[in-house]
Full PDB file with SEQRES, HELIX, SHEET, SSBOND, CRYST1, ORIGX, SCALE, CONECT and MASTER records, all heavy atoms in Angstrom:
SEQRES   1 A   42  ILE GLU ARG GLY PHE GLY PHE GLN HIS VAL ARG SER THR          
SEQRES   2 A   42  SER ALA LEU ALA ALA PRO TRP PHE VAL GLY ALA ALA LEU          
SEQRES   3 A   42  GLY LEU ASP VAL LEU ASN THR PHE TYR VAL ASP ARG GLN          
SEQRES   4 A   42  PRO PHE LEU                                                  
HELIX    1 AA1 GLU A    2  PHE A    5  1                                   4    
HELIX    2 AA2 THR A   13  LEU A   26  1                                  14    
SHEET    1 AA1 2 PHE A  34  VAL A  36  0                                        
SHEET    2 AA1 2 GLN A  39  PHE A  41 -1                                        
CRYST1    1.000    1.000    1.000  90.00  90.00  90.00 P 1           1          
ORIGX1      1.000000  0.000000  0.000000        0.00000                         
ORIGX2      0.000000  1.000000  0.000000        0.00000                         
ORIGX3      0.000000  0.000000  1.000000        0.00000                         
SCALE1      1.000000  0.000000  0.000000        0.00000                         
SCALE2      0.000000  1.000000  0.000000        0.00000                         
SCALE3      0.000000  0.000000  1.000000        0.00000                         
ATOM      1  N   ILE A   1      66.476  61.052 114.520  1.00  0.00           N  
ATOM      2  CA  ILE A   1      65.397  60.216 115.123  1.00  0.00           C  
ATOM      3  C   ILE A   1      64.680  60.957 116.257  1.00  0.00           C  
ATOM      4  O   ILE A   1      63.487  60.924 116.345  1.00  0.00           O  
ATOM      5  CB  ILE A   1      66.024  58.920 115.626  1.00  0.00           C  
ATOM      6  CG1 ILE A   1      66.549  58.055 114.479  1.00  0.00           C  
ATOM      7  CG2 ILE A   1      65.049  58.136 116.448  1.00  0.00           C  
ATOM      8  CD1 ILE A   1      67.408  56.881 114.915  1.00  0.00           C  
ATOM      9  N   GLU A   2      65.472  61.666 117.060  1.00  0.00           N  
ATOM     10  CA  GLU A   2      64.856  62.409 118.176  1.00  0.00           C  
ATOM     11  C   GLU A   2      63.885  63.445 117.602  1.00  0.00           C  
ATOM     12  O   GLU A   2      62.798  63.602 118.138  1.00  0.00           O  
ATOM     13  CB  GLU A   2      65.929  63.048 119.034  1.00  0.00           C  
ATOM     14  CG  GLU A   2      66.762  62.080 119.844  1.00  0.00           C  
ATOM     15  CD  GLU A   2      67.861  62.716 120.618  1.00  0.00           C  
ATOM     16  OE1 GLU A   2      68.342  63.804 120.137  1.00  0.00           O  
ATOM     17  OE2 GLU A   2      68.373  62.187 121.629  1.00  0.00           O  
ATOM     18  N   ARG A   3      64.326  64.193 116.642  1.00  0.00           N  
ATOM     19  CA  ARG A   3      63.530  65.294 116.108  1.00  0.00           C  
ATOM     20  C   ARG A   3      62.329  64.745 115.272  1.00  0.00           C  
ATOM     21  O   ARG A   3      61.196  65.186 115.392  1.00  0.00           O  
ATOM     22  CB  ARG A   3      64.335  66.242 115.218  1.00  0.00           C  
ATOM     23  CG  ARG A   3      65.358  67.069 115.978  1.00  0.00           C  
ATOM     24  CD  ARG A   3      65.874  68.153 115.115  1.00  0.00           C  
ATOM     25  NE  ARG A   3      66.528  67.658 113.928  1.00  0.00           N  
ATOM     26  CZ  ARG A   3      67.880  67.414 113.877  1.00  0.00           C  
ATOM     27  NH1 ARG A   3      68.623  67.702 114.855  1.00  0.00           N  
ATOM     28  NH2 ARG A   3      68.384  66.936 112.720  1.00  0.00           N  
ATOM     29  N   GLY A   4      62.660  63.712 114.404  1.00  0.00           N  
ATOM     30  CA  GLY A   4      61.602  63.258 113.529  1.00  0.00           C  
ATOM     31  C   GLY A   4      60.532  62.344 114.167  1.00  0.00           C  
ATOM     32  O   GLY A   4      59.374  62.459 113.825  1.00  0.00           O  
ATOM     33  N   PHE A   5      60.980  61.531 115.101  1.00  0.00           N  
ATOM     34  CA  PHE A   5      60.024  60.511 115.626  1.00  0.00           C  
ATOM     35  C   PHE A   5      59.677  60.826 117.132  1.00  0.00           C  
ATOM     36  O   PHE A   5      58.884  60.081 117.711  1.00  0.00           O  
ATOM     37  CB  PHE A   5      60.584  59.139 115.503  1.00  0.00           C  
ATOM     38  CG  PHE A   5      60.804  58.705 114.080  1.00  0.00           C  
ATOM     39  CD1 PHE A   5      62.063  58.506 113.572  1.00  0.00           C  
ATOM     40  CD2 PHE A   5      59.709  58.534 113.228  1.00  0.00           C  
ATOM     41  CE1 PHE A   5      62.278  58.112 112.318  1.00  0.00           C  
ATOM     42  CE2 PHE A   5      59.942  58.119 111.944  1.00  0.00           C  
ATOM     43  CZ  PHE A   5      61.201  57.909 111.459  1.00  0.00           C  
ATOM     44  N   GLY A   6      60.368  61.815 117.750  1.00  0.00           N  
ATOM     45  CA  GLY A   6      59.990  62.160 119.081  1.00  0.00           C  
ATOM     46  C   GLY A   6      60.579  61.270 120.126  1.00  0.00           C  
ATOM     47  O   GLY A   6      60.081  61.299 121.307  1.00  0.00           O  
ATOM     48  N   PHE A   7      61.542  60.439 119.842  1.00  0.00           N  
ATOM     49  CA  PHE A   7      62.174  59.620 120.898  1.00  0.00           C  
ATOM     50  C   PHE A   7      63.015  60.501 121.809  1.00  0.00           C  
ATOM     51  O   PHE A   7      63.780  61.328 121.364  1.00  0.00           O  
ATOM     52  CB  PHE A   7      63.068  58.527 120.237  1.00  0.00           C  
ATOM     53  CG  PHE A   7      62.268  57.416 119.581  1.00  0.00           C  
ATOM     54  CD1 PHE A   7      62.334  57.302 118.198  1.00  0.00           C  
ATOM     55  CD2 PHE A   7      61.526  56.540 120.347  1.00  0.00           C  
ATOM     56  CE1 PHE A   7      61.621  56.276 117.577  1.00  0.00           C  
ATOM     57  CE2 PHE A   7      60.820  55.530 119.725  1.00  0.00           C  
ATOM     58  CZ  PHE A   7      60.839  55.377 118.320  1.00  0.00           C  
ATOM     59  N   GLN A   8      62.820  60.304 123.104  1.00  0.00           N  
ATOM     60  CA  GLN A   8      63.533  61.159 124.097  1.00  0.00           C  
ATOM     61  C   GLN A   8      64.791  60.587 124.699  1.00  0.00           C  
ATOM     62  O   GLN A   8      65.545  61.222 125.353  1.00  0.00           O  
ATOM     63  CB  GLN A   8      62.562  61.521 125.253  1.00  0.00           C  
ATOM     64  CG  GLN A   8      61.319  62.174 124.832  1.00  0.00           C  
ATOM     65  CD  GLN A   8      61.568  63.571 124.283  1.00  0.00           C  
ATOM     66  OE1 GLN A   8      62.339  64.343 124.779  1.00  0.00           O  
ATOM     67  NE2 GLN A   8      60.957  63.903 123.126  1.00  0.00           N  
ATOM     68  N   HIS A   9      64.992  59.238 124.412  1.00  0.00           N  
ATOM     69  CA  HIS A   9      66.081  58.553 125.075  1.00  0.00           C  
ATOM     70  C   HIS A   9      66.954  57.846 124.087  1.00  0.00           C  
ATOM     71  O   HIS A   9      66.947  56.632 124.060  1.00  0.00           O  
ATOM     72  CB  HIS A   9      65.593  57.641 126.158  1.00  0.00           C  
ATOM     73  CG  HIS A   9      64.650  58.243 127.153  1.00  0.00           C  
ATOM     74  ND1 HIS A   9      65.107  58.952 128.230  1.00  0.00           N  
ATOM     75  CD2 HIS A   9      63.267  58.318 127.206  1.00  0.00           C  
ATOM     76  CE1 HIS A   9      64.069  59.409 128.940  1.00  0.00           C  
ATOM     77  NE2 HIS A   9      62.944  59.012 128.317  1.00  0.00           N  
ATOM     78  N   VAL A  10      67.604  58.506 123.173  1.00  0.00           N  
ATOM     79  CA  VAL A  10      68.499  57.895 122.201  1.00  0.00           C  
ATOM     80  C   VAL A  10      69.925  58.076 122.722  1.00  0.00           C  
ATOM     81  O   VAL A  10      70.375  59.161 122.940  1.00  0.00           O  
ATOM     82  CB  VAL A  10      68.351  58.565 120.849  1.00  0.00           C  
ATOM     83  CG1 VAL A  10      69.244  57.838 119.798  1.00  0.00           C  
ATOM     84  CG2 VAL A  10      66.859  58.518 120.323  1.00  0.00           C  
ATOM     85  N   ARG A  11      70.560  56.934 122.965  1.00  0.00           N  
ATOM     86  CA  ARG A  11      71.871  56.959 123.609  1.00  0.00           C  
ATOM     87  C   ARG A  11      72.898  56.176 122.763  1.00  0.00           C  
ATOM     88  O   ARG A  11      72.538  55.225 122.067  1.00  0.00           O  
ATOM     89  CB  ARG A  11      71.806  56.322 124.992  1.00  0.00           C  
ATOM     90  CG  ARG A  11      70.816  56.946 125.928  1.00  0.00           C  
ATOM     91  CD  ARG A  11      71.226  58.287 126.422  1.00  0.00           C  
ATOM     92  NE  ARG A  11      70.334  58.873 127.391  1.00  0.00           N  
ATOM     93  CZ  ARG A  11      69.446  59.841 127.196  1.00  0.00           C  
ATOM     94  NH1 ARG A  11      69.329  60.360 125.961  1.00  0.00           N  
ATOM     95  NH2 ARG A  11      68.666  60.281 128.173  1.00  0.00           N  
ATOM     96  N   SER A  12      74.154  56.559 122.886  1.00  0.00           N  
ATOM     97  CA  SER A  12      75.242  55.898 122.245  1.00  0.00           C  
ATOM     98  C   SER A  12      76.242  55.352 123.285  1.00  0.00           C  
ATOM     99  O   SER A  12      76.694  56.132 124.081  1.00  0.00           O  
ATOM    100  CB  SER A  12      75.987  56.785 121.266  1.00  0.00           C  
ATOM    101  OG  SER A  12      77.212  56.239 120.886  1.00  0.00           O  
ATOM    102  N   THR A  13      76.436  54.039 123.321  1.00  0.00           N  
ATOM    103  CA  THR A  13      77.406  53.510 124.269  1.00  0.00           C  
ATOM    104  C   THR A  13      78.823  54.124 124.050  1.00  0.00           C  
ATOM    105  O   THR A  13      79.521  54.394 125.042  1.00  0.00           O  
ATOM    106  CB  THR A  13      77.515  51.952 124.131  1.00  0.00           C  
ATOM    107  OG1 THR A  13      77.872  51.622 122.801  1.00  0.00           O  
ATOM    108  CG2 THR A  13      76.206  51.317 124.529  1.00  0.00           C  
ATOM    109  N   SER A  14      79.183  54.300 122.825  1.00  0.00           N  
ATOM    110  CA  SER A  14      80.508  54.851 122.511  1.00  0.00           C  
ATOM    111  C   SER A  14      80.602  56.278 123.054  1.00  0.00           C  
ATOM    112  O   SER A  14      81.635  56.672 123.656  1.00  0.00           O  
ATOM    113  CB  SER A  14      80.788  54.831 121.036  1.00  0.00           C  
ATOM    114  OG  SER A  14      80.655  53.522 120.569  1.00  0.00           O  
ATOM    115  N   ALA A  15      79.606  57.125 122.820  1.00  0.00           N  
ATOM    116  CA  ALA A  15      79.616  58.475 123.286  1.00  0.00           C  
ATOM    117  C   ALA A  15      79.560  58.578 124.856  1.00  0.00           C  
ATOM    118  O   ALA A  15      80.195  59.469 125.421  1.00  0.00           O  
ATOM    119  CB  ALA A  15      78.438  59.229 122.718  1.00  0.00           C  
ATOM    120  N   LEU A  16      78.936  57.586 125.478  1.00  0.00           N  
ATOM    121  CA  LEU A  16      78.879  57.569 126.926  1.00  0.00           C  
ATOM    122  C   LEU A  16      80.224  57.156 127.526  1.00  0.00           C  
ATOM    123  O   LEU A  16      80.665  57.675 128.554  1.00  0.00           O  
ATOM    124  CB  LEU A  16      77.759  56.587 127.444  1.00  0.00           C  
ATOM    125  CG  LEU A  16      76.334  57.070 127.174  1.00  0.00           C  
ATOM    126  CD1 LEU A  16      75.409  55.883 127.438  1.00  0.00           C  
ATOM    127  CD2 LEU A  16      75.987  58.172 128.119  1.00  0.00           C  
ATOM    128  N   ALA A  17      80.876  56.227 126.841  1.00  0.00           N  
ATOM    129  CA  ALA A  17      82.145  55.691 127.381  1.00  0.00           C  
ATOM    130  C   ALA A  17      83.371  56.588 127.042  1.00  0.00           C  
ATOM    131  O   ALA A  17      84.362  56.622 127.774  1.00  0.00           O  
ATOM    132  CB  ALA A  17      82.403  54.251 126.870  1.00  0.00           C  
ATOM    133  N   ALA A  18      83.309  57.235 125.870  1.00  0.00           N  
ATOM    134  CA  ALA A  18      84.489  58.028 125.411  1.00  0.00           C  
ATOM    135  C   ALA A  18      85.040  58.990 126.407  1.00  0.00           C  
ATOM    136  O   ALA A  18      86.269  59.106 126.548  1.00  0.00           O  
ATOM    137  CB  ALA A  18      84.158  58.680 124.079  1.00  0.00           C  
ATOM    138  N   PRO A  19      84.217  59.764 127.156  1.00  0.00           N  
ATOM    139  CA  PRO A  19      84.795  60.723 128.110  1.00  0.00           C  
ATOM    140  C   PRO A  19      85.669  60.067 129.161  1.00  0.00           C  
ATOM    141  O   PRO A  19      86.649  60.652 129.633  1.00  0.00           O  
ATOM    142  CB  PRO A  19      83.597  61.423 128.711  1.00  0.00           C  
ATOM    143  CG  PRO A  19      82.504  61.304 127.681  1.00  0.00           C  
ATOM    144  CD  PRO A  19      82.777  59.927 127.012  1.00  0.00           C  
ATOM    145  N   TRP A  20      85.333  58.857 129.586  1.00  0.00           N  
ATOM    146  CA  TRP A  20      86.139  58.159 130.552  1.00  0.00           C  
ATOM    147  C   TRP A  20      87.533  57.846 129.958  1.00  0.00           C  
ATOM    148  O   TRP A  20      88.518  57.955 130.679  1.00  0.00           O  
ATOM    149  CB  TRP A  20      85.441  56.869 130.953  1.00  0.00           C  
ATOM    150  CG  TRP A  20      84.135  57.029 131.645  1.00  0.00           C  
ATOM    151  CD1 TRP A  20      82.932  57.272 131.066  1.00  0.00           C  
ATOM    152  CD2 TRP A  20      83.890  56.899 133.039  1.00  0.00           C  
ATOM    153  NE1 TRP A  20      81.922  57.356 132.018  1.00  0.00           N  
ATOM    154  CE2 TRP A  20      82.471  57.177 133.264  1.00  0.00           C  
ATOM    155  CE3 TRP A  20      84.688  56.702 134.173  1.00  0.00           C  
ATOM    156  CZ2 TRP A  20      81.906  57.151 134.512  1.00  0.00           C  
ATOM    157  CZ3 TRP A  20      84.095  56.668 135.432  1.00  0.00           C  
ATOM    158  CH2 TRP A  20      82.741  56.906 135.621  1.00  0.00           C  
ATOM    159  N   PHE A  21      87.592  57.389 128.719  1.00  0.00           N  
ATOM    160  CA  PHE A  21      88.860  57.098 128.079  1.00  0.00           C  
ATOM    161  C   PHE A  21      89.672  58.394 127.915  1.00  0.00           C  
ATOM    162  O   PHE A  21      90.877  58.395 128.196  1.00  0.00           O  
ATOM    163  CB  PHE A  21      88.589  56.476 126.725  1.00  0.00           C  
ATOM    164  CG  PHE A  21      88.171  55.088 126.767  1.00  0.00           C  
ATOM    165  CD1 PHE A  21      86.839  54.739 126.955  1.00  0.00           C  
ATOM    166  CD2 PHE A  21      89.100  54.042 126.632  1.00  0.00           C  
ATOM    167  CE1 PHE A  21      86.447  53.397 127.009  1.00  0.00           C  
ATOM    168  CE2 PHE A  21      88.748  52.696 126.704  1.00  0.00           C  
ATOM    169  CZ  PHE A  21      87.328  52.377 126.847  1.00  0.00           C  
ATOM    170  N   VAL A  22      89.043  59.456 127.454  1.00  0.00           N  
ATOM    171  CA  VAL A  22      89.742  60.724 127.241  1.00  0.00           C  
ATOM    172  C   VAL A  22      90.228  61.286 128.556  1.00  0.00           C  
ATOM    173  O   VAL A  22      91.383  61.696 128.698  1.00  0.00           O  
ATOM    174  CB  VAL A  22      88.815  61.698 126.550  1.00  0.00           C  
ATOM    175  CG1 VAL A  22      89.458  63.125 126.460  1.00  0.00           C  
ATOM    176  CG2 VAL A  22      88.433  61.214 125.166  1.00  0.00           C  
ATOM    177  N   GLY A  23      89.351  61.313 129.549  1.00  0.00           N  
ATOM    178  CA  GLY A  23      89.761  61.755 130.874  1.00  0.00           C  
ATOM    179  C   GLY A  23      90.944  61.032 131.494  1.00  0.00           C  
ATOM    180  O   GLY A  23      91.897  61.615 132.008  1.00  0.00           O  
ATOM    181  N   ALA A  24      90.912  59.683 131.349  1.00  0.00           N  
ATOM    182  CA  ALA A  24      91.998  58.882 131.861  1.00  0.00           C  
ATOM    183  C   ALA A  24      93.321  59.105 131.142  1.00  0.00           C  
ATOM    184  O   ALA A  24      94.382  59.157 131.709  1.00  0.00           O  
ATOM    185  CB  ALA A  24      91.604  57.393 131.780  1.00  0.00           C  
ATOM    186  N   ALA A  25      93.202  59.366 129.794  1.00  0.00           N  
ATOM    187  CA  ALA A  25      94.407  59.592 129.068  1.00  0.00           C  
ATOM    188  C   ALA A  25      95.006  60.935 129.349  1.00  0.00           C  
ATOM    189  O   ALA A  25      96.234  61.140 129.291  1.00  0.00           O  
ATOM    190  CB  ALA A  25      94.061  59.540 127.524  1.00  0.00           C  
ATOM    191  N   LEU A  26      94.206  61.962 129.684  1.00  0.00           N  
ATOM    192  CA  LEU A  26      94.691  63.307 129.947  1.00  0.00           C  
ATOM    193  C   LEU A  26      94.929  63.622 131.382  1.00  0.00           C  
ATOM    194  O   LEU A  26      95.506  64.675 131.718  1.00  0.00           O  
ATOM    195  CB  LEU A  26      93.696  64.340 129.318  1.00  0.00           C  
ATOM    196  CG  LEU A  26      93.418  64.189 127.844  1.00  0.00           C  
ATOM    197  CD1 LEU A  26      92.513  65.358 127.361  1.00  0.00           C  
ATOM    198  CD2 LEU A  26      94.724  64.226 127.046  1.00  0.00           C  
ATOM    199  N   GLY A  27      94.531  62.705 132.290  1.00  0.00           N  
ATOM    200  CA  GLY A  27      94.821  62.938 133.705  1.00  0.00           C  
ATOM    201  C   GLY A  27      93.610  63.478 134.491  1.00  0.00           C  
ATOM    202  O   GLY A  27      93.814  63.923 135.627  1.00  0.00           O  
ATOM    203  N   LEU A  28      92.401  63.385 133.904  1.00  0.00           N  
ATOM    204  CA  LEU A  28      91.224  63.794 134.616  1.00  0.00           C  
ATOM    205  C   LEU A  28      90.482  62.536 135.100  1.00  0.00           C  
ATOM    206  O   LEU A  28      90.173  61.659 134.287  1.00  0.00           O  
ATOM    207  CB  LEU A  28      90.285  64.598 133.706  1.00  0.00           C  
ATOM    208  CG  LEU A  28      88.897  64.997 134.267  1.00  0.00           C  
ATOM    209  CD1 LEU A  28      89.082  66.027 135.406  1.00  0.00           C  
ATOM    210  CD2 LEU A  28      88.017  65.501 133.154  1.00  0.00           C  
ATOM    211  N   ASP A  29      90.227  62.486 136.408  1.00  0.00           N  
ATOM    212  CA  ASP A  29      89.510  61.270 136.959  1.00  0.00           C  
ATOM    213  C   ASP A  29      88.037  61.506 136.754  1.00  0.00           C  
ATOM    214  O   ASP A  29      87.405  62.374 137.396  1.00  0.00           O  
ATOM    215  CB  ASP A  29      89.782  61.148 138.458  1.00  0.00           C  
ATOM    216  CG  ASP A  29      91.220  60.755 138.729  1.00  0.00           C  
ATOM    217  OD1 ASP A  29      91.790  60.040 137.879  1.00  0.00           O  
ATOM    218  OD2 ASP A  29      91.767  61.167 139.772  1.00  0.00           O  
ATOM    219  N   VAL A  30      87.462  60.764 135.824  1.00  0.00           N  
ATOM    220  CA  VAL A  30      85.981  60.882 135.564  1.00  0.00           C  
ATOM    221  C   VAL A  30      85.302  60.018 136.593  1.00  0.00           C  
ATOM    222  O   VAL A  30      85.570  58.837 136.758  1.00  0.00           O  
ATOM    223  CB  VAL A  30      85.666  60.326 134.121  1.00  0.00           C  
ATOM    224  CG1 VAL A  30      84.167  60.402 133.913  1.00  0.00           C  
ATOM    225  CG2 VAL A  30      86.367  61.177 133.125  1.00  0.00           C  
ATOM    226  N   LEU A  31      84.363  60.587 137.330  1.00  0.00           N  
ATOM    227  CA  LEU A  31      83.674  59.906 138.464  1.00  0.00           C  
ATOM    228  C   LEU A  31      82.312  59.456 138.086  1.00  0.00           C  
ATOM    229  O   LEU A  31      81.790  58.503 138.583  1.00  0.00           O  
ATOM    230  CB  LEU A  31      83.633  60.842 139.683  1.00  0.00           C  
ATOM    231  CG  LEU A  31      84.938  61.362 140.144  1.00  0.00           C  
ATOM    232  CD1 LEU A  31      84.759  62.315 141.337  1.00  0.00           C  
ATOM    233  CD2 LEU A  31      85.893  60.246 140.552  1.00  0.00           C  
ATOM    234  N   ASN A  32      81.635  60.209 137.186  1.00  0.00           N  
ATOM    235  CA  ASN A  32      80.277  59.870 136.802  1.00  0.00           C  
ATOM    236  C   ASN A  32      79.847  60.596 135.547  1.00  0.00           C  
ATOM    237  O   ASN A  32      80.474  61.635 135.227  1.00  0.00           O  
ATOM    238  CB  ASN A  32      79.294  60.199 137.958  1.00  0.00           C  
ATOM    239  CG  ASN A  32      78.095  59.320 137.974  1.00  0.00           C  
ATOM    240  OD1 ASN A  32      77.544  58.939 136.933  1.00  0.00           O  
ATOM    241  ND2 ASN A  32      77.581  58.930 139.168  1.00  0.00           N  
ATOM    242  N   THR A  33      78.871  60.039 134.832  1.00  0.00           N  
ATOM    243  CA  THR A  33      78.256  60.731 133.727  1.00  0.00           C  
ATOM    244  C   THR A  33      76.757  60.620 133.867  1.00  0.00           C  
ATOM    245  O   THR A  33      76.220  59.624 134.447  1.00  0.00           O  
ATOM    246  CB  THR A  33      78.667  60.107 132.408  1.00  0.00           C  
ATOM    247  OG1 THR A  33      78.306  58.706 132.354  1.00  0.00           O  
ATOM    248  CG2 THR A  33      80.172  60.238 132.167  1.00  0.00           C  
ATOM    249  N   PHE A  34      76.027  61.623 133.407  1.00  0.00           N  
ATOM    250  CA  PHE A  34      74.576  61.562 133.401  1.00  0.00           C  
ATOM    251  C   PHE A  34      74.041  62.532 132.415  1.00  0.00           C  
ATOM    252  O   PHE A  34      74.794  63.412 131.862  1.00  0.00           O  
ATOM    253  CB  PHE A  34      74.001  61.894 134.833  1.00  0.00           C  
ATOM    254  CG  PHE A  34      74.409  63.270 135.335  1.00  0.00           C  
ATOM    255  CD1 PHE A  34      73.643  64.422 135.071  1.00  0.00           C  
ATOM    256  CD2 PHE A  34      75.513  63.404 136.133  1.00  0.00           C  
ATOM    257  CE1 PHE A  34      74.039  65.651 135.523  1.00  0.00           C  
ATOM    258  CE2 PHE A  34      75.955  64.655 136.557  1.00  0.00           C  
ATOM    259  CZ  PHE A  34      75.181  65.808 136.266  1.00  0.00           C  
ATOM    260  N   TYR A  35      72.760  62.390 132.076  1.00  0.00           N  
ATOM    261  CA  TYR A  35      72.156  63.260 131.065  1.00  0.00           C  
ATOM    262  C   TYR A  35      71.185  64.236 131.766  1.00  0.00           C  
ATOM    263  O   TYR A  35      70.511  63.858 132.740  1.00  0.00           O  
ATOM    264  CB  TYR A  35      71.338  62.403 130.045  1.00  0.00           C  
ATOM    265  CG  TYR A  35      72.120  61.978 128.875  1.00  0.00           C  
ATOM    266  CD1 TYR A  35      73.002  60.883 128.950  1.00  0.00           C  
ATOM    267  CD2 TYR A  35      72.023  62.601 127.659  1.00  0.00           C  
ATOM    268  CE1 TYR A  35      73.699  60.459 127.861  1.00  0.00           C  
ATOM    269  CE2 TYR A  35      72.724  62.172 126.501  1.00  0.00           C  
ATOM    270  CZ  TYR A  35      73.566  61.107 126.639  1.00  0.00           C  
ATOM    271  OH  TYR A  35      74.251  60.683 125.507  1.00  0.00           O  
ATOM    272  N   VAL A  36      71.142  65.436 131.240  1.00  0.00           N  
ATOM    273  CA  VAL A  36      70.071  66.362 131.511  1.00  0.00           C  
ATOM    274  C   VAL A  36      69.431  66.708 130.183  1.00  0.00           C  
ATOM    275  O   VAL A  36      70.091  67.298 129.308  1.00  0.00           O  
ATOM    276  CB  VAL A  36      70.623  67.682 132.208  1.00  0.00           C  
ATOM    277  CG1 VAL A  36      69.469  68.623 132.433  1.00  0.00           C  
ATOM    278  CG2 VAL A  36      71.300  67.357 133.516  1.00  0.00           C  
ATOM    279  N   ASP A  37      68.152  66.347 130.104  1.00  0.00           N  
ATOM    280  CA  ASP A  37      67.501  66.400 128.769  1.00  0.00           C  
ATOM    281  C   ASP A  37      68.357  65.593 127.788  1.00  0.00           C  
ATOM    282  O   ASP A  37      68.509  64.395 127.975  1.00  0.00           O  
ATOM    283  CB  ASP A  37      67.320  67.855 128.335  1.00  0.00           C  
ATOM    284  CG  ASP A  37      66.294  67.988 127.220  1.00  0.00           C  
ATOM    285  OD1 ASP A  37      65.371  67.179 127.202  1.00  0.00           O  
ATOM    286  OD2 ASP A  37      66.412  68.955 126.430  1.00  0.00           O  
ATOM    287  N   ARG A  38      68.908  66.184 126.742  1.00  0.00           N  
ATOM    288  CA  ARG A  38      69.741  65.458 125.758  1.00  0.00           C  
ATOM    289  C   ARG A  38      71.227  65.806 125.889  1.00  0.00           C  
ATOM    290  O   ARG A  38      72.002  65.405 125.011  1.00  0.00           O  
ATOM    291  CB  ARG A  38      69.267  65.758 124.345  1.00  0.00           C  
ATOM    292  CG  ARG A  38      67.819  65.260 124.052  1.00  0.00           C  
ATOM    293  CD  ARG A  38      67.497  65.501 122.586  1.00  0.00           C  
ATOM    294  NE  ARG A  38      66.143  64.980 122.266  1.00  0.00           N  
ATOM    295  CZ  ARG A  38      65.033  65.638 122.340  1.00  0.00           C  
ATOM    296  NH1 ARG A  38      65.075  66.894 122.775  1.00  0.00           N  
ATOM    297  NH2 ARG A  38      63.856  65.122 122.033  1.00  0.00           N  
ATOM    298  N   GLN A  39      71.580  66.503 126.909  1.00  0.00           N  
ATOM    299  CA  GLN A  39      72.938  66.975 127.138  1.00  0.00           C  
ATOM    300  C   GLN A  39      73.699  66.091 128.097  1.00  0.00           C  
ATOM    301  O   GLN A  39      73.280  65.994 129.273  1.00  0.00           O  
ATOM    302  CB  GLN A  39      72.985  68.443 127.578  1.00  0.00           C  
ATOM    303  CG  GLN A  39      74.316  68.964 127.982  1.00  0.00           C  
ATOM    304  CD  GLN A  39      75.269  69.036 126.801  1.00  0.00           C  
ATOM    305  OE1 GLN A  39      74.919  69.541 125.777  1.00  0.00           O  
ATOM    306  NE2 GLN A  39      76.458  68.478 126.980  1.00  0.00           N  
ATOM    307  N   PRO A  40      74.792  65.387 127.696  1.00  0.00           N  
ATOM    308  CA  PRO A  40      75.600  64.640 128.653  1.00  0.00           C  
ATOM    309  C   PRO A  40      76.453  65.543 129.538  1.00  0.00           C  
ATOM    310  O   PRO A  40      77.016  66.495 129.043  1.00  0.00           O  
ATOM    311  CB  PRO A  40      76.434  63.737 127.780  1.00  0.00           C  
ATOM    312  CG  PRO A  40      76.554  64.486 126.455  1.00  0.00           C  
ATOM    313  CD  PRO A  40      75.310  65.303 126.289  1.00  0.00           C  
ATOM    314  N   PHE A  41      76.534  65.197 130.812  1.00  0.00           N  
ATOM    315  CA  PHE A  41      77.349  65.904 131.750  1.00  0.00           C  
ATOM    316  C   PHE A  41      78.363  64.928 132.356  1.00  0.00           C  
ATOM    317  O   PHE A  41      78.160  63.770 132.460  1.00  0.00           O  
ATOM    318  CB  PHE A  41      76.525  66.530 132.915  1.00  0.00           C  
ATOM    319  CG  PHE A  41      75.825  67.758 132.515  1.00  0.00           C  
ATOM    320  CD1 PHE A  41      74.680  67.797 131.751  1.00  0.00           C  
ATOM    321  CD2 PHE A  41      76.298  68.958 132.957  1.00  0.00           C  
ATOM    322  CE1 PHE A  41      74.024  68.951 131.394  1.00  0.00           C  
ATOM    323  CE2 PHE A  41      75.639  70.177 132.621  1.00  0.00           C  
ATOM    324  CZ  PHE A  41      74.555  70.144 131.837  1.00  0.00           C  
ATOM    325  N   LEU A  42      79.493  65.551 132.783  1.00  0.00           N  
ATOM    326  CA  LEU A  42      80.601  64.762 133.357  1.00  0.00           C  
ATOM    327  C   LEU A  42      80.849  65.290 134.715  1.00  0.00           C  
ATOM    328  O   LEU A  42      80.843  66.464 134.953  1.00  0.00           O  
ATOM    329  CB  LEU A  42      81.841  64.971 132.479  1.00  0.00           C  
ATOM    330  CG  LEU A  42      82.688  63.714 132.215  1.00  0.00           C  
ATOM    331  CD1 LEU A  42      81.974  62.766 131.362  1.00  0.00           C  
ATOM    332  CD2 LEU A  42      83.956  64.148 131.467  1.00  0.00           C  
TER     333      LEU A  42                                                      
MASTER        0    0    0    2    2    0    0    6  332    1    0    4          
END                                                                             
């Protein structure tokens, strides 16, 4: 969709939330998430 129709803000709630679950399970305290362009950062 991003490539074909040019939408710049396509987000997935699951993809945004998953790092928090993974971090908590492995012992990493996730403090924030944000996007730069289309790349999520933790």
